Amino acid sequence: IGRFVDKEVEIQGWLYNIRSKGKIAFLQLRDGTGRIQGVAEESSC
């Protein structure tokens, strides 16, 4: 992922945790190579 800063990408994997606060959600994602947090704001997505 570090090679794609400021670029649009697709990650294929699994959700291993999720937290939300109103109009924002934090998705903990994993694939076979690592983990990353996705931040989803209703106003932007």
PDB file of all heavy atoms in Angstrom:
ATOM      1  N   ILE A   1       0.798  -1.217   0.000  1.00  0.00           N
ATOM      2  CA  ILE A   1       0.000   0.000   0.000  1.00  0.00           C
ATOM      3  C   ILE A   1       0.842   1.284   0.000  1.00  0.00           C
ATOM      4  O   ILE A   1       0.440   2.287  -0.576  1.00  0.00           O
ATOM      5  CB  ILE A   1      -1.007  -0.011   1.179  1.00  0.00           C
ATOM      6  CG1 ILE A   1      -2.226   0.859   0.860  1.00  0.00           C
ATOM      7  CG2 ILE A   1      -0.376   0.402   2.478  1.00  0.00           C
ATOM      8  CD1 ILE A   1      -3.231   0.207  -0.008  1.00  0.00           C
ATOM      9  N   GLY A   2       2.015   1.242   0.602  1.00  0.00           N
ATOM     10  CA  GLY A   2       2.880   2.421   0.680  1.00  0.00           C
ATOM     11  C   GLY A   2       3.332   2.959  -0.670  1.00  0.00           C
ATOM     12  O   GLY A   2       3.710   4.127  -0.784  1.00  0.00           O
ATOM     13  N   ARG A   3       3.262   2.141  -1.691  1.00  0.00           N
ATOM     14  CA  ARG A   3       3.654   2.583  -3.045  1.00  0.00           C
ATOM     15  C   ARG A   3       2.544   3.341  -3.756  1.00  0.00           C
ATOM     16  O   ARG A   3       2.723   3.806  -4.870  1.00  0.00           O
ATOM     17  CB  ARG A   3       4.068   1.380  -3.888  1.00  0.00           C
ATOM     18  CG  ARG A   3       5.258   0.639  -3.325  1.00  0.00           C
ATOM     19  CD  ARG A   3       5.716  -0.467  -4.211  1.00  0.00           C
ATOM     20  NE  ARG A   3       4.580  -1.132  -4.886  1.00  0.00           N
ATOM     21  CZ  ARG A   3       4.695  -2.152  -5.695  1.00  0.00           C
ATOM     22  NH1 ARG A   3       5.875  -2.639  -5.980  1.00  0.00           N
ATOM     23  NH2 ARG A   3       3.635  -2.703  -6.248  1.00  0.00           N
ATOM     24  N   PHE A   4       1.375   3.467  -3.103  1.00  0.00           N
ATOM     25  CA  PHE A   4       0.215   4.041  -3.766  1.00  0.00           C
ATOM     26  C   PHE A   4      -0.367   5.254  -3.035  1.00  0.00           C
ATOM     27  O   PHE A   4      -1.556   5.547  -3.161  1.00  0.00           O
ATOM     28  CB  PHE A   4      -0.861   2.958  -3.936  1.00  0.00           C
ATOM     29  CG  PHE A   4      -0.407   1.822  -4.790  1.00  0.00           C
ATOM     30  CD1 PHE A   4       0.191   0.704  -4.221  1.00  0.00           C
ATOM     31  CD2 PHE A   4      -0.529   1.874  -6.167  1.00  0.00           C
ATOM     32  CE1 PHE A   4       0.638  -0.354  -4.997  1.00  0.00           C
ATOM     33  CE2 PHE A   4      -0.089   0.824  -6.961  1.00  0.00           C
ATOM     34  CZ  PHE A   4       0.505  -0.290  -6.379  1.00  0.00           C
ATOM     35  N   VAL A   5       0.464   5.974  -2.291  1.00  0.00           N
ATOM     36  CA  VAL A   5       0.007   7.160  -1.563  1.00  0.00           C
ATOM     37  C   VAL A   5      -0.599   8.163  -2.550  1.00  0.00           C
ATOM     38  O   VAL A   5      -0.050   8.403  -3.627  1.00  0.00           O
ATOM     39  CB  VAL A   5       1.162   7.792  -0.753  1.00  0.00           C
ATOM     40  CG1 VAL A   5       0.735   9.110  -0.124  1.00  0.00           C
ATOM     41  CG2 VAL A   5       1.655   6.820   0.313  1.00  0.00           C
ATOM     42  N   ASP A   6      -1.746   8.704  -2.179  1.00  0.00           N
ATOM     43  CA  ASP A   6      -2.512   9.666  -2.978  1.00  0.00           C
ATOM     44  C   ASP A   6      -3.098   9.075  -4.251  1.00  0.00           C
ATOM     45  O   ASP A   6      -3.498   9.801  -5.156  1.00  0.00           O
ATOM     46  CB  ASP A   6      -1.671  10.910  -3.324  1.00  0.00           C
ATOM     47  CG  ASP A   6      -1.283  11.697  -2.088  1.00  0.00           C
ATOM     48  OD1 ASP A   6      -2.082  11.723  -1.128  1.00  0.00           O
ATOM     49  OD2 ASP A   6      -0.187  12.273  -2.081  1.00  0.00           O
ATOM     50  N   LYS A   7      -3.197   7.754  -4.320  1.00  0.00           N
ATOM     51  CA  LYS A   7      -3.786   7.081  -5.479  1.00  0.00           C
ATOM     52  C   LYS A   7      -5.037   6.314  -5.043  1.00  0.00           C
ATOM     53  O   LYS A   7      -5.152   5.879  -3.912  1.00  0.00           O
ATOM     54  CB  LYS A   7      -2.786   6.111  -6.095  1.00  0.00           C
ATOM     55  CG  LYS A   7      -1.490   6.756  -6.542  1.00  0.00           C
ATOM     56  CD  LYS A   7      -1.136   6.305  -7.923  1.00  0.00           C
ATOM     57  CE  LYS A   7       0.173   6.772  -8.458  1.00  0.00           C
ATOM     58  NZ  LYS A   7       0.644   8.057  -8.265  1.00  0.00           N
ATOM     59  N   GLU A   8      -5.951   6.148  -5.998  1.00  0.00           N
ATOM     60  CA  GLU A   8      -7.147   5.333  -5.778  1.00  0.00           C
ATOM     61  C   GLU A   8      -6.796   3.867  -6.027  1.00  0.00           C
ATOM     62  O   GLU A   8      -6.214   3.551  -7.071  1.00  0.00           O
ATOM     63  CB  GLU A   8      -8.266   5.756  -6.723  1.00  0.00           C
ATOM     64  CG  GLU A   8      -8.885   7.079  -6.392  1.00  0.00           C
ATOM     65  CD  GLU A   8     -10.014   6.972  -5.380  1.00  0.00           C
ATOM     66  OE1 GLU A   8     -10.658   5.911  -5.279  1.00  0.00           O
ATOM     67  OE2 GLU A   8     -10.232   7.969  -4.686  1.00  0.00           O
ATOM     68  N   VAL A   9      -7.138   3.000  -5.069  1.00  0.00           N
ATOM     69  CA  VAL A   9      -6.837   1.574  -5.183  1.00  0.00           C
ATOM     70  C   VAL A   9      -8.042   0.758  -4.723  1.00  0.00           C
ATOM     71  O   VAL A   9      -8.996   1.295  -4.162  1.00  0.00           O
ATOM     72  CB  VAL A   9      -5.600   1.178  -4.336  1.00  0.00           C
ATOM     73  CG1 VAL A   9      -4.361   1.917  -4.791  1.00  0.00           C
ATOM     74  CG2 VAL A   9      -5.855   1.388  -2.858  1.00  0.00           C
ATOM     75  N   GLU A  10      -7.950  -0.543  -4.951  1.00  0.00           N
ATOM     76  CA  GLU A  10      -8.934  -1.478  -4.417  1.00  0.00           C
ATOM     77  C   GLU A  10      -8.197  -2.523  -3.593  1.00  0.00           C
ATOM     78  O   GLU A  10      -7.185  -3.067  -4.040  1.00  0.00           O
ATOM     79  CB  GLU A  10      -9.707  -2.164  -5.537  1.00  0.00           C
ATOM     80  CG  GLU A  10     -10.723  -3.176  -5.008  1.00  0.00           C
ATOM     81  CD  GLU A  10     -11.569  -3.770  -6.111  1.00  0.00           C
ATOM     82  OE1 GLU A  10     -12.499  -3.087  -6.571  1.00  0.00           O
ATOM     83  OE2 GLU A  10     -11.283  -4.921  -6.506  1.00  0.00           O
ATOM     84  N   ILE A  11      -8.722  -2.780  -2.410  1.00  0.00           N
ATOM     85  CA  ILE A  11      -8.200  -3.836  -1.536  1.00  0.00           C
ATOM     86  C   ILE A  11      -9.260  -4.918  -1.460  1.00  0.00           C
ATOM     87  O   ILE A  11     -10.443  -4.623  -1.243  1.00  0.00           O
ATOM     88  CB  ILE A  11      -7.891  -3.299  -0.127  1.00  0.00           C
ATOM     89  CG1 ILE A  11      -6.733  -2.310  -0.193  1.00  0.00           C
ATOM     90  CG2 ILE A  11      -7.581  -4.437   0.835  1.00  0.00           C
ATOM     91  CD1 ILE A  11      -6.442  -1.630   1.111  1.00  0.00           C
ATOM     92  N   GLN A  12      -8.849  -6.168  -1.636  1.00  0.00           N
ATOM     93  CA  GLN A  12      -9.763  -7.293  -1.536  1.00  0.00           C
ATOM     94  C   GLN A  12      -9.378  -8.090  -0.302  1.00  0.00           C
ATOM     95  O   GLN A  12      -8.240  -8.535  -0.178  1.00  0.00           O
ATOM     96  CB  GLN A  12      -9.672  -8.161  -2.788  1.00  0.00           C
ATOM     97  CG  GLN A  12     -10.067  -7.402  -4.029  1.00  0.00           C
ATOM     98  CD  GLN A  12      -9.951  -8.228  -5.291  1.00  0.00           C
ATOM     99  OE1 GLN A  12      -9.366  -9.307  -5.314  1.00  0.00           O
ATOM    100  NE2 GLN A  12     -10.533  -7.716  -6.366  1.00  0.00           N
ATOM    101  N   GLY A  13     -10.315  -8.230   0.623  1.00  0.00           N
ATOM    102  CA  GLY A  13      -9.990  -8.933   1.859  1.00  0.00           C
ATOM    103  C   GLY A  13     -11.202  -9.125   2.746  1.00  0.00           C
ATOM    104  O   GLY A  13     -12.322  -9.293   2.260  1.00  0.00           O
ATOM    105  N   TRP A  14     -10.954  -9.067   4.063  1.00  0.00           N
ATOM    106  CA  TRP A  14     -11.979  -9.341   5.056  1.00  0.00           C
ATOM    107  C   TRP A  14     -12.035  -8.229   6.086  1.00  0.00           C
ATOM    108  O   TRP A  14     -11.026  -7.616   6.424  1.00  0.00           O
ATOM    109  CB  TRP A  14     -11.685 -10.659   5.772  1.00  0.00           C
ATOM    110  CG  TRP A  14     -11.695 -11.825   4.859  1.00  0.00           C
ATOM    111  CD1 TRP A  14     -12.761 -12.596   4.525  1.00  0.00           C
ATOM    112  CD2 TRP A  14     -10.584 -12.341   4.135  1.00  0.00           C
ATOM    113  NE1 TRP A  14     -12.373 -13.558   3.630  1.00  0.00           N
ATOM    114  CE2 TRP A  14     -11.033 -13.422   3.380  1.00  0.00           C
ATOM    115  CE3 TRP A  14      -9.231 -11.985   4.048  1.00  0.00           C
ATOM    116  CZ2 TRP A  14     -10.211 -14.161   2.552  1.00  0.00           C
ATOM    117  CZ3 TRP A  14      -8.406 -12.714   3.222  1.00  0.00           C
ATOM    118  CH2 TRP A  14      -8.890 -13.790   2.492  1.00  0.00           C
ATOM    119  N   LEU A  15     -13.211  -8.030   6.624  1.00  0.00           N
ATOM    120  CA  LEU A  15     -13.418  -7.094   7.710  1.00  0.00           C
ATOM    121  C   LEU A  15     -13.182  -7.833   9.021  1.00  0.00           C
ATOM    122  O   LEU A  15     -13.851  -8.827   9.288  1.00  0.00           O
ATOM    123  CB  LEU A  15     -14.853  -6.560   7.670  1.00  0.00           C
ATOM    124  CG  LEU A  15     -15.238  -5.609   8.779  1.00  0.00           C
ATOM    125  CD1 LEU A  15     -14.590  -4.250   8.535  1.00  0.00           C
ATOM    126  CD2 LEU A  15     -16.749  -5.472   8.858  1.00  0.00           C
ATOM    127  N   TYR A  16     -12.196  -7.380   9.822  1.00  0.00           N
ATOM    128  CA  TYR A  16     -12.009  -8.071  11.089  1.00  0.00           C
ATOM    129  C   TYR A  16     -12.485  -7.254  12.272  1.00  0.00           C
ATOM    130  O   TYR A  16     -12.568  -7.766  13.392  1.00  0.00           O
ATOM    131  CB  TYR A  16     -10.574  -8.592  11.272  1.00  0.00           C
ATOM    132  CG  TYR A  16      -9.519  -7.564  11.579  1.00  0.00           C
ATOM    133  CD1 TYR A  16      -9.234  -7.197  12.893  1.00  0.00           C
ATOM    134  CD2 TYR A  16      -8.780  -6.986  10.570  1.00  0.00           C
ATOM    135  CE1 TYR A  16      -8.255  -6.266  13.160  1.00  0.00           C
ATOM    136  CE2 TYR A  16      -7.796  -6.064  10.833  1.00  0.00           C
ATOM    137  CZ  TYR A  16      -7.541  -5.706  12.139  1.00  0.00           C
ATOM    138  OH  TYR A  16      -6.565  -4.787  12.401  1.00  0.00           O
ATOM    139  N   ASN A  17     -12.877  -6.002  12.061  1.00  0.00           N
ATOM    140  CA  ASN A  17     -13.490  -5.204  13.116  1.00  0.00           C
ATOM    141  C   ASN A  17     -14.054  -3.942  12.490  1.00  0.00           C
ATOM    142  O   ASN A  17     -13.580  -3.497  11.449  1.00  0.00           O
ATOM    143  CB  ASN A  17     -12.487  -4.852  14.215  1.00  0.00           C
ATOM    144  CG  ASN A  17     -13.155  -4.447  15.507  1.00  0.00           C
ATOM    145  OD1 ASN A  17     -14.365  -4.518  15.640  1.00  0.00           O
ATOM    146  ND2 ASN A  17     -12.369  -4.023  16.473  1.00  0.00           N
ATOM    147  N   ILE A  18     -15.050  -3.369  13.140  1.00  0.00           N
ATOM    148  CA  ILE A  18     -15.629  -2.109  12.674  1.00  0.00           C
ATOM    149  C   ILE A  18     -16.122  -1.317  13.876  1.00  0.00           C
ATOM    150  O   ILE A  18     -16.647  -1.887  14.826  1.00  0.00           O
ATOM    151  CB  ILE A  18     -16.776  -2.357  11.659  1.00  0.00           C
ATOM    152  CG1 ILE A  18     -17.261  -1.047  11.046  1.00  0.00           C
ATOM    153  CG2 ILE A  18     -17.905  -3.138  12.279  1.00  0.00           C
ATOM    154  CD1 ILE A  18     -18.180  -1.217   9.849  1.00  0.00           C
ATOM    155  N   ARG A  19     -15.884  -0.005  13.837  1.00  0.00           N
ATOM    156  CA  ARG A  19     -16.405   0.916  14.847  1.00  0.00           C
ATOM    157  C   ARG A  19     -17.041   2.075  14.084  1.00  0.00           C
ATOM    158  O   ARG A  19     -16.563   2.453  13.029  1.00  0.00           O
ATOM    159  CB  ARG A  19     -15.312   1.520  15.736  1.00  0.00           C
ATOM    160  CG  ARG A  19     -14.304   0.619  16.279  1.00  0.00           C
ATOM    161  CD  ARG A  19     -13.299   1.308  17.225  1.00  0.00           C
ATOM    162  NE  ARG A  19     -12.693   2.571  16.842  1.00  0.00           N
ATOM    163  CZ  ARG A  19     -11.655   2.731  16.041  1.00  0.00           C
ATOM    164  NH1 ARG A  19     -11.124   1.709  15.443  1.00  0.00           N
ATOM    165  NH2 ARG A  19     -11.149   3.913  15.806  1.00  0.00           N
ATOM    166  N   SER A  20     -18.084   2.609  14.655  1.00  0.00           N
ATOM    167  CA  SER A  20     -18.678   3.770  13.997  1.00  0.00           C
ATOM    168  C   SER A  20     -19.116   4.786  15.032  1.00  0.00           C
ATOM    169  O   SER A  20     -19.418   4.446  16.177  1.00  0.00           O
ATOM    170  CB  SER A  20     -19.857   3.364  13.116  1.00  0.00           C
ATOM    171  OG  SER A  20     -20.894   2.828  13.893  1.00  0.00           O
ATOM    172  N   LYS A  21     -19.086   6.027  14.597  1.00  0.00           N
ATOM    173  CA  LYS A  21     -19.499   7.160  15.413  1.00  0.00           C
ATOM    174  C   LYS A  21     -20.333   8.057  14.528  1.00  0.00           C
ATOM    175  O   LYS A  21     -19.789   8.839  13.755  1.00  0.00           O
ATOM    176  CB  LYS A  21     -18.264   7.926  15.887  1.00  0.00           C
ATOM    177  CG  LYS A  21     -17.825   7.663  17.274  1.00  0.00           C
ATOM    178  CD  LYS A  21     -16.699   8.605  17.603  1.00  0.00           C
ATOM    179  CE  LYS A  21     -16.741   8.905  19.075  1.00  0.00           C
ATOM    180  NZ  LYS A  21     -15.586   9.630  19.523  1.00  0.00           N
ATOM    181  N   GLY A  22     -21.637   7.889  14.571  1.00  0.00           N
ATOM    182  CA  GLY A  22     -22.513   8.723  13.753  1.00  0.00           C
ATOM    183  C   GLY A  22     -22.307   8.523  12.272  1.00  0.00           C
ATOM    184  O   GLY A  22     -22.576   7.461  11.731  1.00  0.00           O
ATOM    185  N   LYS A  23     -21.779   9.520  11.603  1.00  0.00           N
ATOM    186  CA  LYS A  23     -21.632   9.504  10.144  1.00  0.00           C
ATOM    187  C   LYS A  23     -20.219   9.126   9.701  1.00  0.00           C
ATOM    188  O   LYS A  23     -19.830   9.389   8.575  1.00  0.00           O
ATOM    189  CB  LYS A  23     -21.988  10.875   9.572  1.00  0.00           C
ATOM    190  CG  LYS A  23     -23.352  11.372   9.959  1.00  0.00           C
ATOM    191  CD  LYS A  23     -24.411  10.715   9.142  1.00  0.00           C
ATOM    192  CE  LYS A  23     -25.772  11.313   9.496  1.00  0.00           C
ATOM    193  NZ  LYS A  23     -26.840  10.706   8.785  1.00  0.00           N
ATOM    194  N   ILE A  24     -19.459   8.476  10.595  1.00  0.00           N
ATOM    195  CA  ILE A  24     -18.111   8.014  10.247  1.00  0.00           C
ATOM    196  C   ILE A  24     -17.927   6.586  10.754  1.00  0.00           C
ATOM    197  O   ILE A  24     -18.392   6.240  11.836  1.00  0.00           O
ATOM    198  CB  ILE A  24     -17.025   8.961  10.802  1.00  0.00           C
ATOM    199  CG1 ILE A  24     -15.652   8.590  10.269  1.00  0.00           C
ATOM    200  CG2 ILE A  24     -17.044   9.009  12.311  1.00  0.00           C
ATOM    201  CD1 ILE A  24     -14.579   9.629  10.531  1.00  0.00           C
ATOM    202  N   ALA A  25     -17.282   5.751   9.936  1.00  0.00           N
ATOM    203  CA  ALA A  25     -17.021   4.353  10.309  1.00  0.00           C
ATOM    204  C   ALA A  25     -15.550   4.045  10.087  1.00  0.00           C
ATOM    205  O   ALA A  25     -14.935   4.534   9.135  1.00  0.00           O
ATOM    206  CB  ALA A  25     -17.894   3.412   9.490  1.00  0.00           C
ATOM    207  N   PHE A  26     -14.997   3.246  10.976  1.00  0.00           N
ATOM    208  CA  PHE A  26     -13.602   2.819  10.894  1.00  0.00           C
ATOM    209  C   PHE A  26     -13.600   1.312  10.654  1.00  0.00           C
ATOM    210  O   PHE A  26     -14.016   0.538  11.502  1.00  0.00           O
ATOM    211  CB  PHE A  26     -12.854   3.153  12.182  1.00  0.00           C
ATOM    212  CG  PHE A  26     -12.882   4.617  12.514  1.00  0.00           C
ATOM    213  CD1 PHE A  26     -13.855   5.133  13.353  1.00  0.00           C
ATOM    214  CD2 PHE A  26     -11.942   5.480  11.961  1.00  0.00           C
ATOM    215  CE1 PHE A  26     -13.885   6.486  13.653  1.00  0.00           C
ATOM    216  CE2 PHE A  26     -11.970   6.835  12.246  1.00  0.00           C
ATOM    217  CZ  PHE A  26     -12.945   7.342  13.101  1.00  0.00           C
ATOM    218  N   LEU A  27     -13.149   0.916   9.466  1.00  0.00           N
ATOM    219  CA  LEU A  27     -13.126  -0.484   9.075  1.00  0.00           C
ATOM    220  C   LEU A  27     -11.714  -1.030   9.239  1.00  0.00           C
ATOM    221  O   LEU A  27     -10.774  -0.509   8.637  1.00  0.00           O
ATOM    222  CB  LEU A  27     -13.532  -0.642   7.605  1.00  0.00           C
ATOM    223  CG  LEU A  27     -14.954  -0.291   7.222  1.00  0.00           C
ATOM    224  CD1 LEU A  27     -15.121   1.201   7.100  1.00  0.00           C
ATOM    225  CD2 LEU A  27     -15.300  -0.957   5.921  1.00  0.00           C
ATOM    226  N   GLN A  28     -11.561  -2.067  10.031  1.00  0.00           N
ATOM    227  CA  GLN A  28     -10.283  -2.743  10.165  1.00  0.00           C
ATOM    228  C   GLN A  28     -10.289  -3.869   9.131  1.00  0.00           C
ATOM    229  O   GLN A  28     -11.088  -4.799   9.228  1.00  0.00           O
ATOM    230  CB  GLN A  28     -10.110  -3.305  11.579  1.00  0.00           C
ATOM    231  CG  GLN A  28     -10.252  -2.263  12.673  1.00  0.00           C
ATOM    232  CD  GLN A  28      -9.199  -1.184  12.578  1.00  0.00           C
ATOM    233  OE1 GLN A  28      -8.021  -1.475  12.432  1.00  0.00           O
ATOM    234  NE2 GLN A  28      -9.624   0.064  12.664  1.00  0.00           N
ATOM    235  N   LEU A  29      -9.421  -3.732   8.142  1.00  0.00           N
ATOM    236  CA  LEU A  29      -9.389  -4.656   7.009  1.00  0.00           C
ATOM    237  C   LEU A  29      -8.123  -5.492   7.018  1.00  0.00           C
ATOM    238  O   LEU A  29      -7.072  -5.022   7.473  1.00  0.00           O
ATOM    239  CB  LEU A  29      -9.467  -3.869   5.700  1.00  0.00           C
ATOM    240  CG  LEU A  29     -10.666  -2.935   5.562  1.00  0.00           C
ATOM    241  CD1 LEU A  29     -10.451  -1.957   4.422  1.00  0.00           C
ATOM    242  CD2 LEU A  29     -11.936  -3.745   5.359  1.00  0.00           C
ATOM    243  N   ARG A  30      -8.227  -6.714   6.500  1.00  0.00           N
ATOM    244  CA  ARG A  30      -7.048  -7.565   6.375  1.00  0.00           C
ATOM    245  C   ARG A  30      -7.110  -8.318   5.063  1.00  0.00           C
ATOM    246  O   ARG A  30      -8.183  -8.554   4.516  1.00  0.00           O
ATOM    247  CB  ARG A  30      -6.923  -8.536   7.541  1.00  0.00           C
ATOM    248  CG  ARG A  30      -8.009  -9.578   7.601  1.00  0.00           C
ATOM    249  CD  ARG A  30      -7.819 -10.545   8.764  1.00  0.00           C
ATOM    250  NE  ARG A  30      -8.921 -11.477   8.852  1.00  0.00           N
ATOM    251  CZ  ARG A  30      -9.034 -12.591   8.162  1.00  0.00           C
ATOM    252  NH1 ARG A  30      -8.089 -12.950   7.321  1.00  0.00           N
ATOM    253  NH2 ARG A  30     -10.081 -13.376   8.306  1.00  0.00           N
ATOM    254  N   ASP A  31      -5.926  -8.634   4.556  1.00  0.00           N
ATOM    255  CA  ASP A  31      -5.811  -9.572   3.442  1.00  0.00           C
ATOM    256  C   ASP A  31      -4.702 -10.524   3.842  1.00  0.00           C
ATOM    257  O   ASP A  31      -4.285 -10.542   4.988  1.00  0.00           O
ATOM    258  CB  ASP A  31      -5.586  -8.862   2.092  1.00  0.00           C
ATOM    259  CG  ASP A  31      -4.245  -8.149   1.976  1.00  0.00           C
ATOM    260  OD1 ASP A  31      -3.392  -8.281   2.882  1.00  0.00           O
ATOM    261  OD2 ASP A  31      -4.047  -7.462   0.966  1.00  0.00           O
ATOM    262  N   GLY A  32      -4.220 -11.331   2.942  1.00  0.00           N
ATOM    263  CA  GLY A  32      -3.178 -12.291   3.289  1.00  0.00           C
ATOM    264  C   GLY A  32      -1.823 -11.665   3.569  1.00  0.00           C
ATOM    265  O   GLY A  32      -0.899 -12.356   3.978  1.00  0.00           O
ATOM    266  N   THR A  33      -1.696 -10.344   3.384  1.00  0.00           N
ATOM    267  CA  THR A  33      -0.384  -9.699   3.529  1.00  0.00           C
ATOM    268  C   THR A  33      -0.297  -8.692   4.666  1.00  0.00           C
ATOM    269  O   THR A  33       0.785  -8.250   5.003  1.00  0.00           O
ATOM    270  CB  THR A  33       0.004  -8.966   2.232  1.00  0.00           C
ATOM    271  OG1 THR A  33      -0.870  -7.843   2.040  1.00  0.00           O
ATOM    272  CG2 THR A  33      -0.062  -9.895   1.022  1.00  0.00           C
ATOM    273  N   GLY A  34      -1.435  -8.298   5.232  1.00  0.00           N
ATOM    274  CA  GLY A  34      -1.381  -7.304   6.301  1.00  0.00           C
ATOM    275  C   GLY A  34      -2.739  -6.768   6.681  1.00  0.00           C
ATOM    276  O   GLY A  34      -3.773  -7.312   6.289  1.00  0.00           O
ATOM    277  N   ARG A  35      -2.700  -5.665   7.448  1.00  0.00           N
ATOM    278  CA  ARG A  35      -3.921  -5.019   7.943  1.00  0.00           C
ATOM    279  C   ARG A  35      -3.841  -3.521   7.703  1.00  0.00           C
ATOM    280  O   ARG A  35      -2.756  -2.942   7.716  1.00  0.00           O
ATOM    281  CB  ARG A  35      -4.073  -5.262   9.443  1.00  0.00           C
ATOM    282  CG  ARG A  35      -4.264  -6.705   9.780  1.00  0.00           C
ATOM    283  CD  ARG A  35      -4.364  -6.890  11.267  1.00  0.00           C
ATOM    284  NE  ARG A  35      -4.586  -8.296  11.570  1.00  0.00           N
ATOM    285  CZ  ARG A  35      -4.875  -8.754  12.758  1.00  0.00           C
ATOM    286  NH1 ARG A  35      -4.959  -7.932  13.780  1.00  0.00           N
ATOM    287  NH2 ARG A  35      -5.067 -10.034  12.936  1.00  0.00           N
ATOM    288  N   ILE A  36      -5.016  -2.923   7.524  1.00  0.00           N
ATOM    289  CA  ILE A  36      -5.088  -1.479   7.333  1.00  0.00           C
ATOM    290  C   ILE A  36      -6.454  -1.001   7.811  1.00  0.00           C
ATOM    291  O   ILE A  36      -7.423  -1.766   7.811  1.00  0.00           O
ATOM    292  CB  ILE A  36      -4.852  -1.087   5.852  1.00  0.00           C
ATOM    293  CG1 ILE A  36      -4.619   0.415   5.721  1.00  0.00           C
ATOM    294  CG2 ILE A  36      -5.996  -1.557   4.980  1.00  0.00           C
ATOM    295  CD1 ILE A  36      -4.106   0.828   4.350  1.00  0.00           C
ATOM    296  N   GLN A  37      -6.506   0.258   8.207  1.00  0.00           N
ATOM    297  CA  GLN A  37      -7.772   0.853   8.586  1.00  0.00           C
ATOM    298  C   GLN A  37      -8.331   1.644   7.422  1.00  0.00           C
ATOM    299  O   GLN A  37      -7.627   2.413   6.779  1.00  0.00           O
ATOM    300  CB  GLN A  37      -7.594   1.780   9.783  1.00  0.00           C
ATOM    301  CG  GLN A  37      -8.884   2.480  10.192  1.00  0.00           C
ATOM    302  CD  GLN A  37      -8.770   3.196  11.507  1.00  0.00           C
ATOM    303  OE1 GLN A  37      -9.003   2.586  12.544  1.00  0.00           O
ATOM    304  NE2 GLN A  37      -8.383   4.456  11.478  1.00  0.00           N
ATOM    305  N   GLY A  38      -9.617   1.442   7.173  1.00  0.00           N
ATOM    306  CA  GLY A  38     -10.339   2.237   6.197  1.00  0.00           C
ATOM    307  C   GLY A  38     -11.239   3.202   6.945  1.00  0.00           C
ATOM    308  O   GLY A  38     -11.887   2.817   7.915  1.00  0.00           O
ATOM    309  N   VAL A  39     -11.280   4.447   6.509  1.00  0.00           N
ATOM    310  CA  VAL A  39     -12.118   5.456   7.145  1.00  0.00           C
ATOM    311  C   VAL A  39     -13.196   5.856   6.139  1.00  0.00           C
ATOM    312  O   VAL A  39     -12.886   6.314   5.042  1.00  0.00           O
ATOM    313  CB  VAL A  39     -11.293   6.687   7.573  1.00  0.00           C
ATOM    314  CG1 VAL A  39     -12.184   7.724   8.218  1.00  0.00           C
ATOM    315  CG2 VAL A  39     -10.159   6.275   8.512  1.00  0.00           C
ATOM    316  N   ALA A  40     -14.456   5.648   6.533  1.00  0.00           N
ATOM    317  CA  ALA A  40     -15.582   5.968   5.658  1.00  0.00           C
ATOM    318  C   ALA A  40     -16.424   7.059   6.300  1.00  0.00           C
ATOM    319  O   ALA A  40     -16.926   6.889   7.409  1.00  0.00           O
ATOM    320  CB  ALA A  40     -16.435   4.733   5.420  1.00  0.00           C
ATOM    321  N   GLU A  41     -16.558   8.175   5.608  1.00  0.00           N
ATOM    322  CA  GLU A  41     -17.431   9.263   6.048  1.00  0.00           C
ATOM    323  C   GLU A  41     -18.615   9.307   5.092  1.00  0.00           C
ATOM    324  O   GLU A  41     -18.424   9.347   3.872  1.00  0.00           O
ATOM    325  CB  GLU A  41     -16.693  10.584   6.035  1.00  0.00           C
ATOM    326  CG  GLU A  41     -15.581  10.657   7.059  1.00  0.00           C
ATOM    327  CD  GLU A  41     -14.929  12.024   7.094  1.00  0.00           C
ATOM    328  OE1 GLU A  41     -15.645  13.005   7.390  1.00  0.00           O
ATOM    329  OE2 GLU A  41     -13.726  12.097   6.811  1.00  0.00           O
ATOM    330  N   GLU A  42     -19.807   9.322   5.645  1.00  0.00           N
ATOM    331  CA  GLU A  42     -21.003   9.319   4.803  1.00  0.00           C
ATOM    332  C   GLU A  42     -20.999  10.477   3.812  1.00  0.00           C
ATOM    333  O   GLU A  42     -21.390  10.308   2.657  1.00  0.00           O
ATOM    334  CB  GLU A  42     -22.266   9.360   5.656  1.00  0.00           C
ATOM    335  CG  GLU A  42     -23.525   9.238   4.834  1.00  0.00           C
ATOM    336  CD  GLU A  42     -24.785   9.170   5.666  1.00  0.00           C
ATOM    337  OE1 GLU A  42     -24.751   9.516   6.855  1.00  0.00           O
ATOM    338  OE2 GLU A  42     -25.820   8.773   5.099  1.00  0.00           O
ATOM    339  N   SER A  43     -20.495  11.629   4.231  1.00  0.00           N
ATOM    340  CA  SER A  43     -20.499  12.799   3.353  1.00  0.00           C
ATOM    341  C   SER A  43     -19.599  12.632   2.133  1.00  0.00           C
ATOM    342  O   SER A  43     -19.854  13.223   1.090  1.00  0.00           O
ATOM    343  CB  SER A  43     -20.063  14.043   4.132  1.00  0.00           C
ATOM    344  OG  SER A  43     -18.753  13.884   4.637  1.00  0.00           O
ATOM    345  N   SER A  44     -18.563  11.803   2.240  1.00  0.00           N
ATOM    346  CA  SER A  44     -17.657  11.638   1.099  1.00  0.00           C
ATOM    347  C   SER A  44     -17.871  10.331   0.326  1.00  0.00           C
ATOM    348  O   SER A  44     -17.605  10.278  -0.869  1.00  0.00           O
ATOM    349  CB  SER A  44     -16.195  11.751   1.541  1.00  0.00           C
ATOM    350  OG  SER A  44     -15.892  10.759   2.485  1.00  0.00           O
ATOM    351  N   CYS A  45     -18.357   9.282   0.995  1.00  0.00           N
ATOM    352  CA  CYS A  45     -18.545   8.017   0.275  1.00  0.00           C
ATOM    353  C   CYS A  45     -19.983   7.824  -0.181  1.00  0.00           C
ATOM    354  O   CYS A  45     -20.259   6.949  -0.990  1.00  0.00           O
ATOM    355  CB  CYS A  45     -18.064   6.827   1.097  1.00  0.00           C
ATOM    356  SG  CYS A  45     -19.052   6.433   2.544  1.00  0.00           S
TER     357      CYS A  45
END
